[in-house]
Protein backbone atom coordinates (compact mmCIF):
# COMPACT_ATOMS: atom_id res chain seq x y z
CA MET A 1 -23.61 38.41 25.93
CA LYS A 2 -20.82 39.02 28.43
CA LEU A 3 -17.35 39.77 27.00
CA TRP A 4 -16.37 36.51 28.70
CA GLY A 5 -19.54 34.55 27.83
CA GLY A 6 -18.30 32.21 25.16
CA ARG A 7 -17.99 29.26 27.62
CA PHE A 8 -21.54 29.82 29.05
CA SER A 9 -24.64 28.31 27.78
CA LYS A 10 -26.90 30.98 29.63
CA GLY A 11 -26.47 34.29 31.23
CA THR A 12 -25.94 35.03 34.69
CA ALA A 13 -28.87 35.73 37.05
CA LYS A 14 -29.82 39.41 37.26
CA THR A 15 -29.26 39.01 41.08
CA VAL A 16 -25.88 37.98 40.37
CA ASP A 17 -25.11 40.81 38.01
CA GLN A 18 -26.29 43.36 40.68
CA PHE A 19 -24.40 41.55 43.44
CA GLY A 20 -21.05 41.11 41.54
CA ALA A 21 -20.95 44.37 39.75
CA SER A 22 -18.42 46.99 40.90
CA ILE A 23 -19.11 49.78 38.33
CA ALA A 24 -21.12 51.77 40.95
CA PHE A 25 -17.84 52.62 42.86
CA ASP A 26 -14.91 51.53 40.48
CA GLN A 27 -16.03 54.00 37.87
CA LYS A 28 -13.80 56.56 39.83
CA LEU A 29 -11.05 54.76 38.09
CA TYR A 30 -12.00 55.67 34.50
CA LYS A 31 -9.08 58.13 33.98
CA GLU A 32 -6.64 55.55 35.25
CA ASP A 33 -8.20 52.82 33.14
CA ILE A 34 -8.00 55.01 30.03
CA GLU A 35 -4.48 55.98 30.84
CA GLY A 36 -3.64 52.24 31.14
CA SER A 37 -5.34 51.46 27.76
CA ARG A 38 -3.48 54.10 26.02
CA ALA A 39 -0.10 53.02 27.00
CA HIS A 40 -1.14 49.13 26.34
CA ALA A 41 -2.39 50.05 22.79
CA ARG A 42 0.97 51.77 22.09
CA MET A 43 2.80 48.84 23.34
CA LEU A 44 0.67 46.48 21.10
CA SER A 45 1.50 48.61 18.22
CA LYS A 46 5.19 48.50 19.03
CA ILE A 47 5.11 44.66 18.97
CA GLY A 48 2.95 44.52 15.86
CA VAL A 49 -0.35 43.43 17.28
CA LEU A 50 -2.03 46.74 16.37
CA SER A 51 -1.37 48.91 13.35
CA GLN A 52 -0.82 52.59 13.48
CA LYS A 53 -4.23 53.29 12.01
CA GLU A 54 -5.92 51.01 14.64
CA VAL A 55 -3.89 52.79 17.43
CA ASP A 56 -5.10 56.14 16.08
CA GLU A 57 -8.75 55.00 16.03
CA ILE A 58 -8.39 53.64 19.79
CA MET A 59 -6.76 56.91 20.92
CA LYS A 60 -9.39 59.13 19.51
CA ALA A 61 -12.23 57.04 20.77
CA LEU A 62 -10.59 56.82 24.26
CA SER A 63 -10.31 60.57 24.30
CA GLU A 64 -13.98 60.93 23.42
CA ILE A 65 -14.99 58.44 26.27
CA GLU A 66 -12.80 60.39 28.74
CA GLU A 67 -14.27 63.75 27.77
CA ALA A 68 -17.89 62.37 27.95
CA ALA A 69 -16.98 60.98 31.40
CA ASP A 70 -15.30 64.22 32.54
CA LYS A 71 -18.65 66.09 31.66
CA GLY A 72 -20.71 63.50 33.38
CA LYS A 73 -22.36 62.51 30.01
CA LEU A 74 -21.31 58.88 30.11
CA SER A 75 -23.70 56.17 31.53
CA PHE A 76 -21.64 53.14 32.62
CA LYS A 77 -23.79 49.84 32.63
CA GLU A 78 -24.08 47.37 35.28
CA GLU A 79 -24.24 44.45 32.98
CA PHE A 80 -20.65 45.23 31.97
CA GLU A 81 -19.70 44.72 35.62
CA ASP A 82 -16.75 46.98 36.17
CA ILE A 83 -14.85 50.00 34.74
CA HIS A 84 -12.66 47.84 32.57
CA MET A 85 -15.30 46.14 30.72
CA ASN A 86 -17.42 49.32 30.41
CA ILE A 87 -14.44 51.16 28.81
CA GLU A 88 -13.72 48.18 26.44
CA SER A 89 -17.38 47.91 25.46
CA LEU A 90 -17.65 51.68 24.86
CA LEU A 91 -14.65 51.49 22.81
CA THR A 92 -15.77 48.49 20.71
CA GLU A 93 -19.10 50.15 20.19
CA LYS A 94 -17.30 53.34 18.86
CA ILE A 95 -14.68 51.67 16.46
CA GLY A 96 -15.60 47.93 16.30
CA TYR A 97 -12.96 45.48 15.46
CA PRO A 98 -9.83 47.34 16.65
CA GLY A 99 -11.70 47.87 20.00
CA LYS A 100 -11.84 44.06 20.38
CA LYS A 101 -8.03 43.70 20.11
CA ILE A 102 -7.28 46.09 23.04
CA HIS A 103 -7.47 43.35 25.55
CA THR A 104 -4.71 41.23 23.76
CA ALA A 105 -1.91 40.29 26.22
CA ARG A 106 -3.66 41.65 29.27
CA SER A 107 -6.21 40.64 31.94
CA ARG A 108 -8.61 42.39 34.09
CA ASN A 109 -6.52 41.16 37.04
CA ASP A 110 -3.31 43.25 35.87
CA GLN A 111 -5.79 46.04 34.65
CA VAL A 112 -7.16 46.67 38.07
CA ALA A 113 -3.79 46.37 39.73
CA VAL A 114 -2.36 49.12 37.54
CA ASP A 115 -5.36 51.31 37.79
CA ASN A 116 -5.23 50.99 41.71
CA ARG A 117 -1.55 51.98 41.60
CA LEU A 118 -1.92 54.91 39.24
CA TYR A 119 -4.97 56.10 41.39
CA LEU A 120 -3.14 55.69 44.81
CA ARG A 121 0.14 57.14 43.33
CA SER A 122 -1.46 60.45 42.36
CA GLN A 123 -3.52 60.62 45.65
CA ALA A 124 -0.49 59.86 47.79
CA ARG A 125 1.47 62.74 46.17
CA GLU A 126 -1.43 65.14 46.63
CA ILE A 127 -1.60 64.10 50.31
CA CYS A 128 1.94 64.69 50.76
CA GLY A 129 1.53 68.14 49.51
CA LEU A 130 -1.51 68.69 51.83
CA VAL A 131 0.78 67.63 54.83
CA GLU A 132 3.44 69.94 53.77
CA GLU A 133 1.15 72.89 53.99
CA LEU A 134 0.07 71.73 57.57
CA LEU A 135 3.74 71.56 58.65
CA LYS A 136 4.17 75.11 57.31
CA THR A 137 1.37 76.21 59.52
CA ILE A 138 2.72 74.48 62.55
CA LEU A 139 6.04 76.17 62.08
CA LEU A 140 4.45 79.64 61.70
CA LEU A 141 2.57 79.09 64.95
CA SER A 142 5.59 77.89 66.75
CA GLU A 143 7.55 80.96 65.68
CA LYS A 144 4.68 83.14 66.70
CA ASN A 145 4.25 81.72 70.23
CA ILE A 146 7.86 80.98 71.18
CA ASP A 147 7.50 82.76 74.55
CA ALA A 148 4.17 81.20 75.57
CA ILE A 149 4.64 78.64 78.57
CA LEU A 150 2.03 76.13 79.58
CA PRO A 151 1.85 73.10 81.70
CA GLY A 152 3.04 69.85 80.22
CA PHE A 153 1.08 66.83 81.17
CA THR A 154 1.65 63.07 81.89
CA HIS A 155 -1.29 61.15 82.91
CA LEU A 156 -3.30 64.34 82.26
CA GLN A 157 -1.77 65.68 85.43
CA HIS A 158 0.53 68.70 85.59
CA ALA A 159 4.09 67.45 85.08
CA GLN A 160 6.59 70.10 83.88
CA PRO A 161 6.36 73.52 82.29
CA ILE A 162 7.02 73.63 78.54
CA ARG A 163 6.83 76.03 75.67
CA LEU A 164 3.65 76.11 73.64
CA SER A 165 5.88 76.01 70.42
CA PHE A 166 7.67 73.10 71.97
CA HIS A 167 4.31 71.28 72.14
CA LEU A 168 3.28 72.19 68.62
CA MET A 169 6.68 71.03 67.38
CA ALA A 170 6.05 67.65 68.87
CA TYR A 171 3.07 67.50 66.37
CA PHE A 172 5.32 68.71 63.61
CA GLU A 173 7.51 65.71 64.18
CA MET A 174 4.47 63.46 64.04
CA PHE A 175 3.20 64.79 60.89
CA LYS A 176 6.60 64.87 59.41
CA ARG A 177 6.92 61.01 59.87
CA ASP A 178 3.44 60.69 58.30
CA HIS A 179 4.81 62.63 55.28
CA GLY A 180 7.74 60.15 55.09
CA ARG A 181 5.46 57.27 55.36
CA PHE A 182 3.44 58.36 52.46
CA ALA A 183 6.75 58.96 50.59
CA ASP A 184 7.88 55.46 51.43
CA CYS A 185 4.54 54.05 50.50
CA LEU A 186 4.73 55.91 47.18
CA ALA A 187 8.32 54.32 46.41
CA ARG A 188 6.92 50.77 46.97
CA MET A 189 3.77 51.48 44.97
CA ASP A 190 5.84 52.77 41.97
CA VAL A 191 6.11 49.20 40.34
CA LEU A 192 4.15 48.39 37.15
CA PRO A 193 1.89 45.31 37.24
CA LEU A 194 0.53 45.61 33.70
CA GLY A 195 1.71 42.95 31.37
CA SER A 196 1.48 40.30 34.09
CA GLY A 197 -1.66 38.84 32.48
CA ALA A 198 -4.17 36.77 34.59
CA MET A 199 -1.51 35.41 36.80
CA SER A 200 1.29 33.74 34.84
CA GLY A 201 2.45 36.23 32.20
CA THR A 202 1.72 36.18 28.53
CA SER A 203 2.76 34.37 25.45
CA TYR A 204 3.11 37.64 23.54
CA PRO A 205 6.42 39.38 23.27
CA THR A 206 5.35 42.36 25.25
CA ASP A 207 7.60 45.20 26.09
CA ARG A 208 6.93 45.94 29.79
CA ASP A 209 9.73 48.38 30.19
CA PHE A 210 7.97 50.48 27.51
CA LEU A 211 4.70 50.28 29.37
CA ALA A 212 6.57 51.38 32.70
CA ASP A 213 8.05 54.40 30.80
CA GLU A 214 4.72 55.31 29.23
CA LEU A 215 2.99 55.20 32.72
CA GLY A 216 5.71 56.74 34.65
CA PHE A 217 6.58 53.76 36.80
CA SER A 218 10.10 53.37 38.01
CA GLU A 219 10.24 49.67 37.55
CA VAL A 220 8.47 46.62 36.33
CA SER A 221 7.20 43.81 38.85
CA LEU A 222 9.21 40.66 38.80
CA ASN A 223 6.62 38.09 39.47
CA ALA A 224 3.21 37.90 37.58
CA LEU A 225 1.56 35.92 40.26
CA ASP A 226 2.40 38.38 42.87
CA SER A 227 1.66 41.43 40.65
CA VAL A 228 -1.95 40.42 40.36
CA SER A 229 -2.60 39.26 43.81
CA ASP A 230 -0.58 41.90 45.78
CA ARG A 231 -2.44 44.54 47.67
CA ASP A 232 0.42 45.36 50.09
CA TYR A 233 0.71 48.87 48.58
CA LEU A 234 -3.02 49.48 49.35
CA ILE A 235 -2.65 48.17 52.83
CA GLU A 236 0.41 50.25 53.40
CA PHE A 237 -1.41 53.35 52.28
CA GLN A 238 -4.39 52.60 54.58
CA SER A 239 -1.69 52.11 57.47
CA ALA A 240 -0.17 55.26 56.74
CA ALA A 241 -3.58 57.00 56.57
CA SER A 242 -4.51 55.40 59.87
CA ILE A 243 -1.50 56.69 61.66
CA LEU A 244 -1.88 60.12 60.25
CA MET A 245 -5.65 60.10 61.42
CA MET A 246 -4.38 58.89 64.84
CA HIS A 247 -2.27 62.02 65.09
CA PHE A 248 -4.95 64.31 64.11
CA SER A 249 -7.36 62.73 66.68
CA ARG A 250 -4.64 63.18 69.43
CA PHE A 251 -4.30 66.85 68.45
CA CYS A 252 -8.10 67.33 68.24
CA GLU A 253 -8.52 65.70 71.58
CA GLU A 254 -6.03 68.19 73.16
CA LEU A 255 -7.59 71.23 71.44
CA ILE A 256 -11.08 70.02 72.56
CA ILE A 257 -9.75 69.72 76.23
CA TRP A 258 -7.96 73.05 76.03
CA ASN A 259 -11.13 74.57 74.65
CA THR A 260 -13.18 73.74 77.81
CA SER A 261 -13.97 76.40 80.42
CA GLU A 262 -11.91 74.32 82.97
CA PHE A 263 -8.93 74.74 80.91
CA GLY A 264 -9.40 77.87 78.71
CA PHE A 265 -6.10 77.60 76.91
CA VAL A 266 -7.66 78.08 73.51
CA GLU A 267 -10.71 79.48 71.90
CA MET A 268 -11.94 78.07 68.59
CA ASP A 269 -12.66 80.59 66.06
CA ASP A 270 -16.50 81.20 65.32
CA ALA A 271 -15.93 79.96 61.81
CA TYR A 272 -14.85 76.49 62.91
CA SER A 273 -17.40 75.99 65.76
CA THR A 274 -21.08 75.43 65.87
CA GLY A 275 -23.90 76.24 68.37
CA SER A 276 -26.58 74.22 70.14
CA SER A 277 -30.21 73.84 69.19
CA ILE A 278 -31.36 74.57 72.74
CA MET A 279 -28.62 76.05 74.72
CA PRO A 280 -27.87 79.64 73.48
CA GLN A 281 -24.62 79.98 75.28
CA LYS A 282 -22.81 76.90 73.66
CA LYS A 283 -19.97 77.14 71.22
CA ASN A 284 -18.91 73.68 70.33
CA PRO A 285 -15.59 72.38 68.80
CA ASP A 286 -17.41 70.25 66.22
CA VAL A 287 -14.80 70.37 63.52
CA ALA A 288 -12.21 68.83 66.00
CA GLU A 289 -14.71 66.38 67.23
CA LEU A 290 -15.76 65.19 63.82
CA ILE A 291 -12.05 64.71 62.81
CA ARG A 292 -11.62 62.68 65.89
CA GLY A 293 -14.70 60.73 64.94
CA LYS A 294 -13.59 60.10 61.28
CA THR A 295 -10.49 58.38 62.65
CA GLY A 296 -12.60 55.42 63.30
CA ARG A 297 -13.83 54.94 59.69
CA VAL A 298 -10.23 55.11 58.39
CA TYR A 299 -9.19 52.39 60.93
CA GLY A 300 -12.24 50.42 59.82
CA ASN A 301 -11.11 50.63 56.05
CA LEU A 302 -7.71 49.27 57.23
CA MET A 303 -9.17 46.50 59.17
CA GLY A 304 -11.38 45.83 56.26
CA ILE A 305 -8.59 45.20 53.68
CA LEU A 306 -6.52 43.36 56.04
CA THR A 307 -9.28 41.03 56.84
CA VAL A 308 -10.11 40.56 52.97
CA MET A 309 -6.56 39.49 52.25
CA LYS A 310 -5.73 37.59 55.30
CA SER A 311 -6.52 33.94 53.90
CA LEU A 312 -6.70 34.56 50.17
CA PRO A 313 -4.72 31.73 48.16
CA LEU A 314 -2.84 32.88 44.98
CA ALA A 315 -3.54 34.52 42.79
CA TYR A 316 -6.67 36.78 42.01
CA ASN A 317 -9.96 36.14 43.94
CA LYS A 318 -13.19 37.98 43.51
CA ASP A 319 -12.87 38.95 47.22
CA MET A 320 -10.37 41.54 46.17
CA GLN A 321 -13.06 43.55 44.61
CA GLU A 322 -13.65 44.76 48.06
CA ASP A 323 -10.38 46.62 48.18
CA LYS A 324 -11.73 49.73 46.30
CA GLU A 325 -14.63 51.17 48.38
CA GLY A 326 -12.44 51.50 51.59
CA MET A 327 -9.56 52.86 49.51
CA PHE A 328 -11.73 55.62 47.97
CA ASP A 329 -13.34 56.45 51.46
CA THR A 330 -9.99 56.69 53.09
CA VAL A 331 -8.59 59.02 50.40
CA GLU A 332 -11.69 61.25 50.38
CA THR A 333 -11.59 61.54 54.12
CA ILE A 334 -8.05 62.31 54.65
CA LYS A 335 -8.09 64.78 51.78
CA SER A 336 -11.09 66.54 53.53
CA VAL A 337 -9.51 66.28 57.03
CA ILE A 338 -6.10 67.69 56.36
CA PRO A 339 -7.07 71.20 54.87
CA ILE A 340 -9.99 71.77 57.39
CA PHE A 341 -7.72 70.94 60.28
CA ASN A 342 -5.02 73.24 58.86
CA GLU A 343 -7.60 76.12 58.51
CA MET A 344 -8.99 75.47 62.03
CA LEU A 345 -5.52 75.34 63.65
CA ALA A 346 -4.39 78.66 61.82
CA SER A 347 -7.43 80.44 63.26
CA ILE A 348 -7.24 79.31 66.98
CA ASN A 349 -6.75 81.95 69.47
CA PHE A 350 -4.20 80.73 72.26
CA ASN A 351 -4.89 82.27 75.66
CA LYS A 352 -1.18 82.70 76.85
CA GLU A 353 -2.13 84.38 79.98
CA LYS A 354 -4.45 81.38 81.00
CA MET A 355 -1.71 78.90 79.98
CA LEU A 356 1.03 80.63 82.21
CA GLN A 357 -1.62 81.06 85.08
CA ALA A 358 -2.02 77.32 85.01
CA THR A 359 1.75 76.66 85.38
CA LYS A 360 1.40 78.09 89.07
CA MET A 361 -0.63 75.01 89.99
CA GLY A 362 0.66 71.37 90.34
CA PHE A 363 4.30 72.04 91.56
CA LEU A 364 5.53 72.01 88.06
CA ASN A 365 8.87 73.23 89.18
CA ALA A 366 9.35 70.21 91.61
CA THR A 367 11.90 68.31 89.27
CA ASP A 368 14.04 71.54 88.94
CA ILE A 369 14.16 71.82 92.67
CA ALA A 370 15.35 68.17 92.97
CA ASP A 371 17.97 68.85 90.25
CA TYR A 372 19.08 71.95 92.31
CA LEU A 373 19.75 69.63 95.33
CA VAL A 374 21.61 67.03 93.08
CA LYS A 375 23.83 70.10 91.87
CA LYS A 376 24.51 70.68 95.63
CA GLY A 377 25.84 67.13 95.92
CA LEU A 378 22.78 64.91 96.92
CA PRO A 379 22.01 61.60 95.21
CA PHE A 380 18.96 62.04 92.88
CA ARG A 381 16.86 59.63 95.01
CA SER A 382 17.55 61.59 98.23
CA ALA A 383 16.64 64.87 96.48
CA HIS A 384 13.46 63.25 95.02
CA GLU A 385 12.36 62.32 98.66
CA ILE A 386 13.12 65.82 99.95
CA VAL A 387 11.22 67.66 97.33
CA GLY A 388 8.33 65.10 97.84
CA ARG A 389 8.17 66.05 101.45
CA MET A 390 8.03 69.72 100.51
CA VAL A 391 5.22 69.16 98.14
CA LEU A 392 3.23 67.25 100.82
CA PHE A 393 4.07 70.08 103.40
CA CYS A 394 2.78 72.84 100.79
CA THR A 395 -0.25 70.79 99.88
CA GLU A 396 -1.32 70.83 103.55
CA LYS A 397 -0.61 74.45 103.93
CA ASN A 398 -2.26 75.23 100.50
CA CYS A 399 0.76 77.11 99.15
CA LYS A 400 3.49 76.84 96.56
CA ILE A 401 7.02 75.80 97.10
CA GLU A 402 8.19 79.27 96.26
CA ASP A 403 5.99 80.80 98.95
CA LEU A 404 8.06 79.13 101.74
CA SER A 405 10.60 81.19 103.60
CA LEU A 406 14.16 80.37 103.53
CA GLU A 407 13.97 79.08 107.01
CA GLU A 408 11.16 76.60 106.01
CA LEU A 409 13.08 75.53 103.04
CA LYS A 410 16.21 74.85 105.03
CA SER A 411 14.27 72.60 107.36
CA PHE A 412 14.04 70.22 104.49
CA HIS A 413 17.86 70.50 103.69
CA GLN A 414 20.40 72.83 105.10
CA ASP A 415 22.19 73.41 101.61
CA ILE A 416 19.14 75.28 100.26
CA GLU A 417 19.91 78.96 99.75
CA ASP A 418 18.15 82.05 98.37
CA ASP A 419 19.23 81.13 94.67
CA LEU A 420 16.58 78.34 94.75
CA ILE A 421 13.91 81.15 94.14
CA GLU A 422 15.32 81.88 90.73
CA VAL A 423 15.68 78.11 89.95
CA ALA A 424 11.96 77.61 90.83
CA LYS A 425 10.88 80.30 88.41
CA ILE A 426 8.64 78.84 85.65
CA LYS A 427 10.51 80.45 82.73
CA ASN A 428 13.83 79.38 84.18
CA CYS A 429 12.47 75.76 84.51
CA THR A 430 11.76 75.75 80.74
CA ASP A 431 15.11 77.31 79.84
CA SER A 432 17.08 74.97 82.19
CA LYS A 433 16.24 71.89 79.79
CA ILE A 434 19.31 72.47 77.75
CA SER A 435 19.67 68.83 76.49
CA ALA A 436 19.08 68.28 72.76
CA GLY A 437 15.32 68.20 72.00
CA GLY A 438 14.46 69.88 75.21
CA THR A 439 12.01 72.79 75.77
CA SER A 440 14.49 75.54 76.37
CA HIS A 441 14.06 78.82 74.15
CA LYS A 442 17.36 78.06 72.34
CA ASN A 443 16.37 74.29 71.49
CA VAL A 444 12.88 75.21 70.20
CA LEU A 445 14.38 77.80 67.93
CA GLN A 446 16.79 75.14 66.81
CA MET A 447 13.93 72.79 66.12
CA ILE A 448 12.08 75.39 64.07
CA GLU A 449 15.28 76.31 62.06
CA THR A 450 16.03 72.55 61.38
CA ASN A 451 12.51 71.86 60.15
CA LYS A 452 12.52 75.08 57.98
CA LYS A 453 15.48 73.38 56.26
CA PHE A 454 13.56 70.07 56.03
CA LEU A 455 10.55 71.74 54.28
CA SER A 456 12.81 73.52 51.87
CA THR A 457 14.06 70.15 50.70
CA LEU A 458 10.49 69.20 49.72
CA SER A 459 9.88 72.04 47.34
């Protein structure tokens, strides 16, 4: 007999039980469900629905159920459909009549909503901590490599010289925003739905503020209909996770490219690389590639929940059972990605000589030479055209601008003097970027110090 079976004259088909059951995956929420039931039982006692003796029995039985589940000694049953009814059935089996009273003034609809929020709240906090560790690693690498210079790229073509630490700190800013997104998501997630009932509230004089205090929520939801049908917090979490994975994928893509023989900017540590089953010479950046690949599954989970929710009428619909597998998968994916990426990044060997050598190709100093002419009084567009002709000339001669004689340089503009040689040096090109946020040594040190202070506010 189903716990809800009073209205039915026969049981559901076995195939329906199998098709509709969620216990195979939502059993992950057993701790959250028990936590919610403990708070609910205390609230029911406060309003006179349960006696203290009944509450004591319920608490003892719930602790026994949780301990058995922790040890893997609990068998959840498909016929009880989900984690909520499994816990309630186990409770009733242990203590009888008081166990049947636990569901007073609540519905599975507000139970699943509070379980999801409790679960995602703890996971989001843990993820914020993992991102903080990654940010510390990036800061350390930036400090260590402050003098390394490499080509900056646009369109994957040589653009301007930049510091390696400047490049790393760009990713720091991305992951810092990711941390902020999860923190923002946490704030909107921190709302108690329990006590909303099936969709319209309850006729019992429940104390939802008491429930919020018991479960550590900062506020109580204002509309019961919204409370049980809302999955915005889950979608927002999936969205933050997708953006985080996009940043990992971009970083991994660059490391994969930099690791090629053609670039040679980095060498992956042996501990974070794999070999080939047939080619003895191979050393593959499999960890970075797999992280790049896992981005797709996190995107898929976001698209999945958005599609589930896109046309659901209020309030709860069984479609919403599909919210959990993607949620669990995303959490497990990003919690595995962040630490392994952090380890891999910390172990990478940066080939600073190869990076610097690469700055000698592609006329990376062309913009600085144009700026030199502007400071001599030329309009920028005129300077741009003159340097463009210099580049064309050097391309045809297979040389660099700084290889040209003063006489050859003056043939492009009479105001060019010997001081152009200093301006055109790669290190000077990086340090000329004095505008706030630029790649000069002073600016990058300021970025590092500013973000050290940011990290100190999180601890």
